[in-house]
Every structure is written in C-alpha cells, then in structure tokens.
Amino acid sequence: MITATIVIKDTPDGEYTIEGNLDRPEALDEPPTPALIIATYISANIAKISDDAIAWYNTMGEAK
C-alpha cells in the first residue's frame, strides 16, 4: 500500500505552493499502484490542473 499526499498551501501574497509526498519513496522502484499512478499524473500535470481549477472557480463566480 502506498499513501500519496498532495498539500496545497496559500501564501500571504495570494499565491500558493504545492507539495507532494509518498509515505514510501522506494515505491517508485516497485510496480505501480493506482495511488502512485494518480499521484504521478497529478504531479506531471499540476500547472494545467491548477490553471483549470482557478478558471473554473472564476467562471462559477461569474454565474452568480
């Protein structure tokens, strides 16, 4: 079993940071599990995911 954690933190200047951790870093050398596959996908695409999320939020605000 692998636990992948993604932490998104707001910063005082209105930006954000994203950190990722695996509970067992050696899992990268093992056959992939769903958690590892999904975490790797998110990590590889984090800029697009972040931009899409903010655009979605801005669109939701305009709909009100």
N, C-alpha and C. Protein backbone atom coordinates (compact mmCIF):
# COMPACT_ATOMS: atom_id res chain seq x y z
N MET A 1 0.85 -1.18 0.00
CA MET A 1 0.00 0.00 0.00
C MET A 1 0.89 1.23 0.00
N ILE A 2 0.48 2.22 -0.76
CA ILE A 2 1.20 3.49 -0.85
C ILE A 2 0.22 4.61 -0.52
N THR A 3 0.67 5.54 0.29
CA THR A 3 -0.11 6.74 0.54
C THR A 3 0.60 7.91 -0.11
N ALA A 4 -0.09 8.55 -1.04
CA ALA A 4 0.43 9.74 -1.71
C ALA A 4 -0.34 10.93 -1.16
N THR A 5 0.38 11.95 -0.73
CA THR A 5 -0.23 13.13 -0.14
C THR A 5 0.15 14.35 -0.97
N ILE A 6 -0.85 15.14 -1.32
CA ILE A 6 -0.62 16.40 -2.02
C ILE A 6 -1.17 17.50 -1.12
N VAL A 7 -0.31 18.47 -0.78
CA VAL A 7 -0.69 19.56 0.11
C VAL A 7 -0.61 20.86 -0.68
N ILE A 8 -1.70 21.62 -0.65
CA ILE A 8 -1.74 22.92 -1.32
C ILE A 8 -1.86 23.97 -0.23
N LYS A 9 -0.91 24.91 -0.22
CA LYS A 9 -0.88 25.94 0.82
C LYS A 9 -1.00 27.31 0.18
N ASP A 10 -1.86 28.15 0.77
CA ASP A 10 -1.93 29.54 0.36
C ASP A 10 -0.74 30.29 0.95
N THR A 11 -0.26 31.28 0.21
CA THR A 11 0.82 32.12 0.73
C THR A 11 0.27 33.51 1.00
N PRO A 12 0.92 34.30 1.84
CA PRO A 12 0.41 35.63 2.19
C PRO A 12 0.21 36.56 0.99
N ASP A 13 0.95 36.34 -0.08
CA ASP A 13 0.83 37.22 -1.24
C ASP A 13 -0.23 36.77 -2.25
N GLY A 14 -1.09 35.85 -1.85
CA GLY A 14 -2.18 35.40 -2.71
C GLY A 14 -1.80 34.31 -3.68
N GLU A 15 -0.60 33.82 -3.60
CA GLU A 15 -0.17 32.71 -4.44
C GLU A 15 -0.37 31.40 -3.68
N TYR A 16 0.18 30.32 -4.18
CA TYR A 16 0.07 29.03 -3.50
C TYR A 16 1.29 28.19 -3.79
N THR A 17 1.51 27.23 -2.92
CA THR A 17 2.57 26.25 -3.14
C THR A 17 1.93 24.87 -3.11
N ILE A 18 2.55 23.95 -3.80
CA ILE A 18 2.05 22.58 -3.84
C ILE A 18 3.21 21.65 -3.50
N GLU A 19 2.96 20.77 -2.54
CA GLU A 19 3.97 19.79 -2.14
C GLU A 19 3.38 18.40 -2.26
N GLY A 20 4.19 17.46 -2.64
CA GLY A 20 3.75 16.07 -2.72
C GLY A 20 4.69 15.16 -1.97
N ASN A 21 4.13 14.15 -1.35
CA ASN A 21 4.94 13.19 -0.60
C ASN A 21 4.40 11.78 -0.79
N LEU A 22 5.30 10.83 -0.78
CA LEU A 22 4.94 9.41 -0.73
C LEU A 22 5.36 8.90 0.64
N ASP A 23 4.52 8.09 1.25
CA ASP A 23 4.91 7.55 2.56
C ASP A 23 6.09 6.59 2.43
N ARG A 24 6.25 6.03 1.25
CA ARG A 24 7.39 5.13 1.00
C ARG A 24 8.04 5.54 -0.33
N PRO A 25 9.02 6.43 -0.31
CA PRO A 25 9.65 6.86 -1.56
C PRO A 25 10.22 5.72 -2.40
N GLU A 26 10.60 4.63 -1.76
CA GLU A 26 11.13 3.48 -2.51
C GLU A 26 10.05 2.84 -3.39
N ALA A 27 8.80 3.22 -3.20
CA ALA A 27 7.71 2.69 -4.02
C ALA A 27 7.90 3.06 -5.50
N LEU A 28 8.68 4.10 -5.76
CA LEU A 28 8.95 4.48 -7.15
C LEU A 28 9.69 3.38 -7.90
N ASP A 29 10.35 2.49 -7.17
CA ASP A 29 11.10 1.38 -7.78
C ASP A 29 10.29 0.09 -7.85
N GLU A 30 9.03 0.14 -7.44
CA GLU A 30 8.17 -1.04 -7.41
C GLU A 30 7.14 -0.95 -8.54
N PRO A 31 6.43 -2.05 -8.81
CA PRO A 31 5.35 -1.97 -9.80
C PRO A 31 4.34 -0.90 -9.39
N PRO A 32 3.84 -0.12 -10.34
CA PRO A 32 2.95 0.98 -9.99
C PRO A 32 1.61 0.51 -9.42
N THR A 33 1.12 1.28 -8.47
CA THR A 33 -0.20 1.06 -7.88
C THR A 33 -1.10 2.21 -8.32
N PRO A 34 -2.41 2.09 -8.14
CA PRO A 34 -3.29 3.21 -8.50
C PRO A 34 -2.89 4.52 -7.83
N ALA A 35 -2.54 4.48 -6.55
CA ALA A 35 -2.15 5.72 -5.85
C ALA A 35 -0.93 6.35 -6.50
N LEU A 36 0.05 5.54 -6.84
CA LEU A 36 1.26 6.05 -7.46
C LEU A 36 0.98 6.60 -8.86
N ILE A 37 0.16 5.90 -9.62
CA ILE A 37 -0.18 6.34 -10.97
C ILE A 37 -0.92 7.68 -10.92
N ILE A 38 -1.91 7.80 -10.05
CA ILE A 38 -2.69 9.03 -9.96
C ILE A 38 -1.83 10.18 -9.45
N ALA A 39 -1.03 9.94 -8.42
CA ALA A 39 -0.16 10.99 -7.88
C ALA A 39 0.85 11.46 -8.91
N THR A 40 1.38 10.53 -9.68
CA THR A 40 2.34 10.89 -10.72
C THR A 40 1.67 11.71 -11.81
N TYR A 41 0.46 11.33 -12.19
CA TYR A 41 -0.28 12.09 -13.20
C TYR A 41 -0.54 13.51 -12.72
N ILE A 42 -1.02 13.63 -11.48
CA ILE A 42 -1.30 14.97 -10.94
C ILE A 42 -0.01 15.80 -10.91
N SER A 43 1.07 15.19 -10.45
CA SER A 43 2.34 15.91 -10.38
C SER A 43 2.81 16.37 -11.76
N ALA A 44 2.67 15.51 -12.75
CA ALA A 44 3.13 15.85 -14.10
C ALA A 44 2.28 16.93 -14.75
N ASN A 45 1.04 17.06 -14.30
CA ASN A 45 0.10 17.99 -14.93
C ASN A 45 -0.38 19.09 -13.99
N ILE A 46 0.35 19.34 -12.91
CA ILE A 46 -0.13 20.24 -11.86
C ILE A 46 -0.37 21.66 -12.37
N ALA A 47 0.44 22.16 -13.27
CA ALA A 47 0.23 23.53 -13.77
C ALA A 47 -1.11 23.63 -14.49
N LYS A 48 -1.43 22.69 -15.35
CA LYS A 48 -2.70 22.71 -16.08
C LYS A 48 -3.88 22.50 -15.14
N ILE A 49 -3.74 21.56 -14.21
CA ILE A 49 -4.81 21.30 -13.24
C ILE A 49 -5.08 22.56 -12.42
N SER A 50 -4.02 23.22 -11.95
CA SER A 50 -4.17 24.45 -11.16
C SER A 50 -4.85 25.55 -11.97
N ASP A 51 -4.38 25.77 -13.19
CA ASP A 51 -4.98 26.79 -14.05
C ASP A 51 -6.44 26.49 -14.32
N ASP A 52 -6.76 25.23 -14.60
CA ASP A 52 -8.15 24.84 -14.87
C ASP A 52 -9.03 25.05 -13.64
N ALA A 53 -8.51 24.73 -12.46
CA ALA A 53 -9.29 24.90 -11.23
C ALA A 53 -9.60 26.37 -10.97
N ILE A 54 -8.61 27.23 -11.15
CA ILE A 54 -8.82 28.66 -10.93
C ILE A 54 -9.77 29.22 -11.98
N ALA A 55 -9.64 28.81 -13.23
CA ALA A 55 -10.56 29.25 -14.28
C ALA A 55 -11.98 28.78 -13.97
N TRP A 56 -12.13 27.54 -13.51
CA TRP A 56 -13.45 27.02 -13.14
C TRP A 56 -14.05 27.86 -12.03
N TYR A 57 -13.25 28.17 -11.01
CA TYR A 57 -13.75 28.97 -9.89
C TYR A 57 -14.19 30.35 -10.38
N ASN A 58 -13.38 30.98 -11.21
CA ASN A 58 -13.73 32.30 -11.73
C ASN A 58 -15.01 32.25 -12.54
N THR A 59 -15.22 31.19 -13.30
CA THR A 59 -16.46 31.02 -14.06
C THR A 59 -17.65 30.85 -13.13
N MET A 60 -17.46 30.09 -12.06
CA MET A 60 -18.55 29.89 -11.09
C MET A 60 -18.93 31.21 -10.45
N GLY A 61 -17.96 32.06 -10.16
CA GLY A 61 -18.24 33.37 -9.56
C GLY A 61 -19.02 34.26 -10.51
N GLU A 62 -18.75 34.15 -11.80
CA GLU A 62 -19.45 34.95 -12.79
C GLU A 62 -20.89 34.48 -12.97
N ALA A 63 -21.17 33.22 -12.65
CA ALA A 63 -22.51 32.67 -12.84
C ALA A 63 -23.48 33.13 -11.76
N LYS A 64 -22.96 33.67 -10.67
CA LYS A 64 -23.85 34.09 -9.56
C LYS A 64 -24.53 35.39 -9.84
